[in-house]
Amino acid sequence: MNAGAGIFISLEGIDGAGKSTHIEALAEALRAQGRVVVLTREPGGTALAESLRELVLHQPMDALTEALLIFAARRDHVQQVIAPALARGDVVLCDRFTDATFAYQGAGRGFDAAVLGTLEQWVQRQGEGAPLLQPDMTLWFDLPPALAAQRLAGARVPDRFETQPEEFFRRVAAGYAQRAAASAGRFVRIDAALARDAVWALVHAAVVRRGWLQACAP
């Protein structure tokens, strides 16, 4: 859980699951009810982290280098953006956070989850004895990899991850399922195969249940 007074919501899922569309809608709904919203992403969110993102997405590297760059970007992002926003009482909406690292680098690449766990502890603690910074809620957009591939086909120039075979994304999806099972109180599964309006209704209802939105919001 975060140590500040704000609310931290992450959106997770494989490429093509529709996170970007719904994170914008959620930000609008929260702002309409007077919330201050910080909309951000990972890797990214700061000038340094965005530079590291470009390397991760487009330069060849092994799994350890990839993980180290992602956690370096996350450290800067947490220190410069996420932690200050939560301390102010803002709502942070983040397109991916550490669950993605365990899903993509851990399950997808087959990298050592214990090493990722150590990096998670180093990067997401704001001092000795402080709690581990984690989202208050994670909206997991669960979509079959074959359908995700159909949605992405021709949509944009693919990066290093989007060019991976379908089997890679099956492993990533399984990694997300493992994270969800281990943190059932934090994760909310969203059936991303549904029509856009139905997906939004699930997202909206999940936030309403936590008391962070009024049920009358559009």
Protein backbone atom coordinates (compact mmCIF):
# COMPACT_ATOMS: atom_id res chain seq x y z
CA MET A 1 0.00 0.00 0.00
CA ASN A 2 1.19 3.55 -0.58
CA ALA A 3 2.36 5.56 2.37
CA GLY A 4 0.82 8.87 1.31
CA ALA A 5 -2.68 10.26 1.50
CA GLY A 6 -3.44 9.85 -2.19
CA ILE A 7 -4.80 6.96 -4.26
CA PHE A 8 -2.60 4.85 -6.52
CA ILE A 9 -4.29 2.87 -9.30
CA SER A 10 -2.37 0.89 -11.89
CA LEU A 11 -3.72 -0.56 -15.13
CA GLU A 12 -2.10 -3.76 -16.38
CA GLY A 13 -2.41 -6.14 -19.28
CA ILE A 14 -0.73 -7.30 -22.46
CA ASP A 15 -0.34 -5.01 -25.45
CA GLY A 16 -3.68 -4.49 -27.22
CA ALA A 17 -5.81 -5.01 -24.10
CA GLY A 18 -7.22 -1.46 -24.19
CA LYS A 19 -5.62 0.09 -21.12
CA SER A 20 -4.81 3.39 -22.81
CA THR A 21 -8.42 4.04 -23.83
CA HIS A 22 -9.81 3.41 -20.36
CA ILE A 23 -7.11 5.16 -18.36
CA GLU A 24 -8.07 8.39 -20.14
CA ALA A 25 -11.77 7.83 -19.44
CA LEU A 26 -11.06 7.07 -15.79
CA ALA A 27 -8.98 10.22 -15.44
CA GLU A 28 -11.84 12.29 -16.89
CA ALA A 29 -14.39 10.70 -14.53
CA LEU A 30 -12.22 11.35 -11.48
CA ARG A 31 -11.48 14.94 -12.49
CA ALA A 32 -15.18 15.56 -13.06
CA GLN A 33 -15.71 14.79 -9.38
CA GLY A 34 -13.03 17.20 -8.24
CA ARG A 35 -10.06 14.85 -7.96
CA VAL A 36 -6.57 15.95 -8.93
CA VAL A 37 -5.29 13.22 -11.23
CA VAL A 38 -1.72 12.45 -12.26
CA LEU A 39 -1.79 10.37 -15.44
CA THR A 40 1.48 8.56 -16.08
CA ARG A 41 3.03 5.38 -17.46
CA GLU A 42 5.84 2.87 -17.11
CA PRO A 43 8.49 2.66 -18.23
CA GLY A 44 8.36 6.44 -18.34
CA GLY A 45 6.81 9.32 -16.48
CA THR A 46 9.96 11.45 -16.17
CA ALA A 47 12.50 12.73 -18.70
CA LEU A 48 15.06 10.17 -17.52
CA ALA A 49 12.56 7.31 -17.42
CA GLU A 50 11.26 8.14 -20.90
CA SER A 51 14.83 7.99 -22.23
CA LEU A 52 15.28 4.59 -20.63
CA ARG A 53 11.93 3.50 -22.09
CA GLU A 54 13.22 4.18 -25.59
CA LEU A 55 16.22 1.96 -24.95
CA VAL A 56 14.10 -0.85 -23.51
CA LEU A 57 11.60 -0.77 -26.38
CA HIS A 58 13.99 -0.45 -29.28
CA GLN A 59 17.53 -1.60 -28.41
CA PRO A 60 18.60 -5.26 -28.24
CA MET A 61 19.59 -6.41 -24.74
CA ASP A 62 19.43 -9.40 -22.44
CA ALA A 63 16.78 -9.94 -19.78
CA LEU A 64 18.90 -8.71 -16.87
CA THR A 65 19.83 -5.46 -18.63
CA GLU A 66 16.17 -5.00 -19.52
CA ALA A 67 15.06 -5.51 -15.92
CA LEU A 68 17.73 -3.18 -14.52
CA LEU A 69 16.78 -0.39 -16.91
CA ILE A 70 13.09 -0.78 -16.09
CA PHE A 71 13.71 -0.63 -12.36
CA ALA A 72 16.06 2.34 -12.79
CA ALA A 73 13.29 4.14 -14.66
CA ARG A 74 10.82 3.11 -11.95
CA ARG A 75 13.02 4.48 -9.18
CA ASP A 76 13.18 7.91 -10.81
CA HIS A 77 9.45 7.78 -11.56
CA VAL A 78 8.57 6.89 -7.96
CA GLN A 79 10.81 9.57 -6.48
CA GLN A 80 9.98 12.36 -8.89
CA VAL A 81 6.30 11.77 -9.69
CA ILE A 82 4.42 9.03 -7.86
CA ALA A 83 5.49 9.53 -4.23
CA PRO A 84 5.14 13.35 -4.32
CA ALA A 85 1.68 13.08 -5.94
CA LEU A 86 0.47 10.62 -3.31
CA ALA A 87 1.84 12.83 -0.53
CA ARG A 88 -0.21 15.73 -1.95
CA GLY A 89 -3.35 13.59 -1.88
CA ASP A 90 -3.64 13.24 -5.67
CA VAL A 91 -4.90 10.24 -7.60
CA VAL A 92 -2.13 8.54 -9.56
CA LEU A 93 -3.25 6.53 -12.59
CA CYS A 94 -0.32 4.56 -13.96
CA ASP A 95 -0.33 2.60 -17.21
CA ARG A 96 1.64 -0.40 -15.88
CA PHE A 97 3.79 -0.70 -12.78
CA THR A 98 5.82 -3.52 -11.21
CA ASP A 99 3.32 -6.27 -12.01
CA ALA A 100 4.25 -5.75 -15.65
CA THR A 101 7.90 -6.43 -14.87
CA PHE A 102 7.06 -9.74 -13.22
CA ALA A 103 4.75 -10.61 -16.14
CA TYR A 104 6.99 -9.53 -19.04
CA GLN A 105 10.54 -9.94 -17.78
CA GLY A 106 9.72 -12.68 -15.25
CA ALA A 107 7.15 -14.93 -16.93
CA GLY A 108 7.65 -13.75 -20.51
CA ARG A 109 11.45 -13.69 -20.62
CA GLY A 110 11.88 -16.38 -17.99
CA PHE A 111 14.00 -14.14 -15.78
CA ASP A 112 14.57 -14.99 -12.10
CA ALA A 113 11.55 -13.78 -10.10
CA ALA A 114 13.63 -13.71 -6.90
CA VAL A 115 15.97 -11.13 -8.43
CA LEU A 116 12.98 -9.08 -9.55
CA GLY A 117 11.62 -9.29 -6.00
CA THR A 118 14.89 -7.95 -4.60
CA LEU A 119 14.87 -5.06 -7.08
CA GLU A 120 11.24 -4.37 -6.18
CA GLN A 121 12.20 -4.05 -2.52
CA TRP A 122 15.16 -1.75 -3.27
CA VAL A 123 13.27 0.54 -5.62
CA GLN A 124 9.86 0.79 -3.99
CA ARG A 125 10.75 1.40 -0.37
CA GLN A 126 11.07 5.07 0.55
CA GLY A 127 13.42 4.47 3.47
CA GLU A 128 14.34 1.85 6.04
CA GLY A 129 11.25 0.43 7.70
CA ALA A 130 8.92 2.14 5.22
CA PRO A 131 6.17 0.08 3.58
CA LEU A 132 6.61 -1.22 0.05
CA LEU A 133 5.00 1.18 -2.38
CA GLN A 134 2.33 -0.69 -4.32
CA PRO A 135 -0.88 0.39 -6.04
CA ASP A 136 -4.00 0.55 -3.89
CA MET A 137 -5.80 -1.17 -6.76
CA THR A 138 -4.65 -2.82 -9.98
CA LEU A 139 -7.08 -3.11 -12.87
CA TRP A 140 -5.94 -6.13 -14.87
CA PHE A 141 -7.20 -6.05 -18.47
CA ASP A 142 -7.27 -9.77 -19.23
CA LEU A 143 -7.35 -10.51 -22.96
CA PRO A 144 -6.50 -13.68 -24.94
CA PRO A 145 -3.18 -13.10 -26.74
CA ALA A 146 -4.64 -14.10 -30.12
CA LEU A 147 -7.28 -11.38 -29.84
CA ALA A 148 -4.69 -8.85 -28.71
CA ALA A 149 -2.62 -9.65 -31.81
CA GLN A 150 -5.65 -9.04 -34.04
CA ARG A 151 -6.24 -5.66 -32.43
CA LEU A 152 -2.61 -4.60 -32.84
CA ALA A 153 -2.21 -5.78 -36.44
CA GLY A 154 -1.36 -2.73 -38.54
CA ALA A 155 -2.17 -0.32 -35.72
CA ARG A 156 1.41 0.99 -35.33
CA VAL A 157 5.04 0.12 -35.89
CA PRO A 158 5.70 -2.68 -33.37
CA ASP A 159 8.37 -2.36 -30.68
CA ARG A 160 10.62 -5.16 -29.34
CA PHE A 161 7.82 -6.60 -27.24
CA GLU A 162 5.01 -6.35 -29.78
CA THR A 163 7.05 -8.39 -32.27
CA GLN A 164 7.27 -11.34 -29.87
CA PRO A 165 5.40 -14.54 -30.84
CA GLU A 166 2.01 -15.37 -29.38
CA GLU A 167 3.57 -17.92 -27.03
CA PHE A 168 5.48 -15.09 -25.33
CA PHE A 169 2.23 -13.28 -24.62
CA ARG A 170 0.64 -16.46 -23.32
CA ARG A 171 3.45 -16.63 -20.77
CA VAL A 172 2.98 -12.95 -19.94
CA ALA A 173 -0.77 -13.47 -19.44
CA ALA A 174 0.00 -16.42 -17.15
CA GLY A 175 2.41 -14.20 -15.22
CA TYR A 176 -0.33 -11.64 -14.68
CA ALA A 177 -2.66 -14.39 -13.48
CA GLN A 178 -0.04 -15.49 -10.94
CA ARG A 179 0.39 -11.93 -9.65
CA ALA A 180 -3.39 -11.55 -9.39
CA ALA A 181 -3.72 -14.76 -7.43
CA ALA A 182 -0.97 -13.66 -5.03
CA SER A 183 -2.56 -10.22 -4.47
CA ALA A 184 -6.25 -10.93 -4.83
CA GLY A 185 -7.24 -8.00 -2.64
CA ARG A 186 -5.44 -5.54 -4.89
CA PHE A 187 -6.24 -6.94 -8.32
CA VAL A 188 -9.54 -6.51 -10.16
CA ARG A 189 -9.83 -8.62 -13.31
CA ILE A 190 -11.39 -6.79 -16.23
CA ASP A 191 -12.64 -8.92 -19.15
CA ALA A 192 -11.00 -6.93 -21.93
CA ALA A 193 -12.56 -9.09 -24.65
CA LEU A 194 -15.91 -7.39 -24.10
CA ALA A 195 -17.15 -4.39 -26.08
CA ARG A 196 -15.59 -1.06 -25.09
CA ASP A 197 -18.67 0.21 -23.21
CA ALA A 198 -18.92 -3.03 -21.24
CA VAL A 199 -15.24 -2.84 -20.31
CA TRP A 200 -15.66 0.74 -19.16
CA ALA A 201 -18.65 -0.28 -17.02
CA LEU A 202 -16.44 -2.84 -15.25
CA VAL A 203 -13.67 -0.30 -14.71
CA HIS A 204 -16.08 2.32 -13.41
CA ALA A 205 -17.80 -0.16 -11.08
CA ALA A 206 -14.48 -1.28 -9.60
CA VAL A 207 -13.53 2.27 -8.67
CA VAL A 208 -17.02 3.01 -7.33
CA ARG A 209 -16.81 -0.05 -5.07
CA ARG A 210 -13.69 1.40 -3.46
CA GLY A 211 -15.51 4.66 -2.77
CA TRP A 212 -13.24 6.69 -5.04
CA LEU A 213 -16.04 7.61 -7.48
CA GLN A 214 -19.72 8.29 -6.97
CA ALA A 215 -22.02 5.81 -8.69
CA CYS A 216 -23.75 8.60 -10.59
CA ALA A 217 -20.59 9.43 -12.55
CA PRO A 218 -20.84 8.91 -16.31
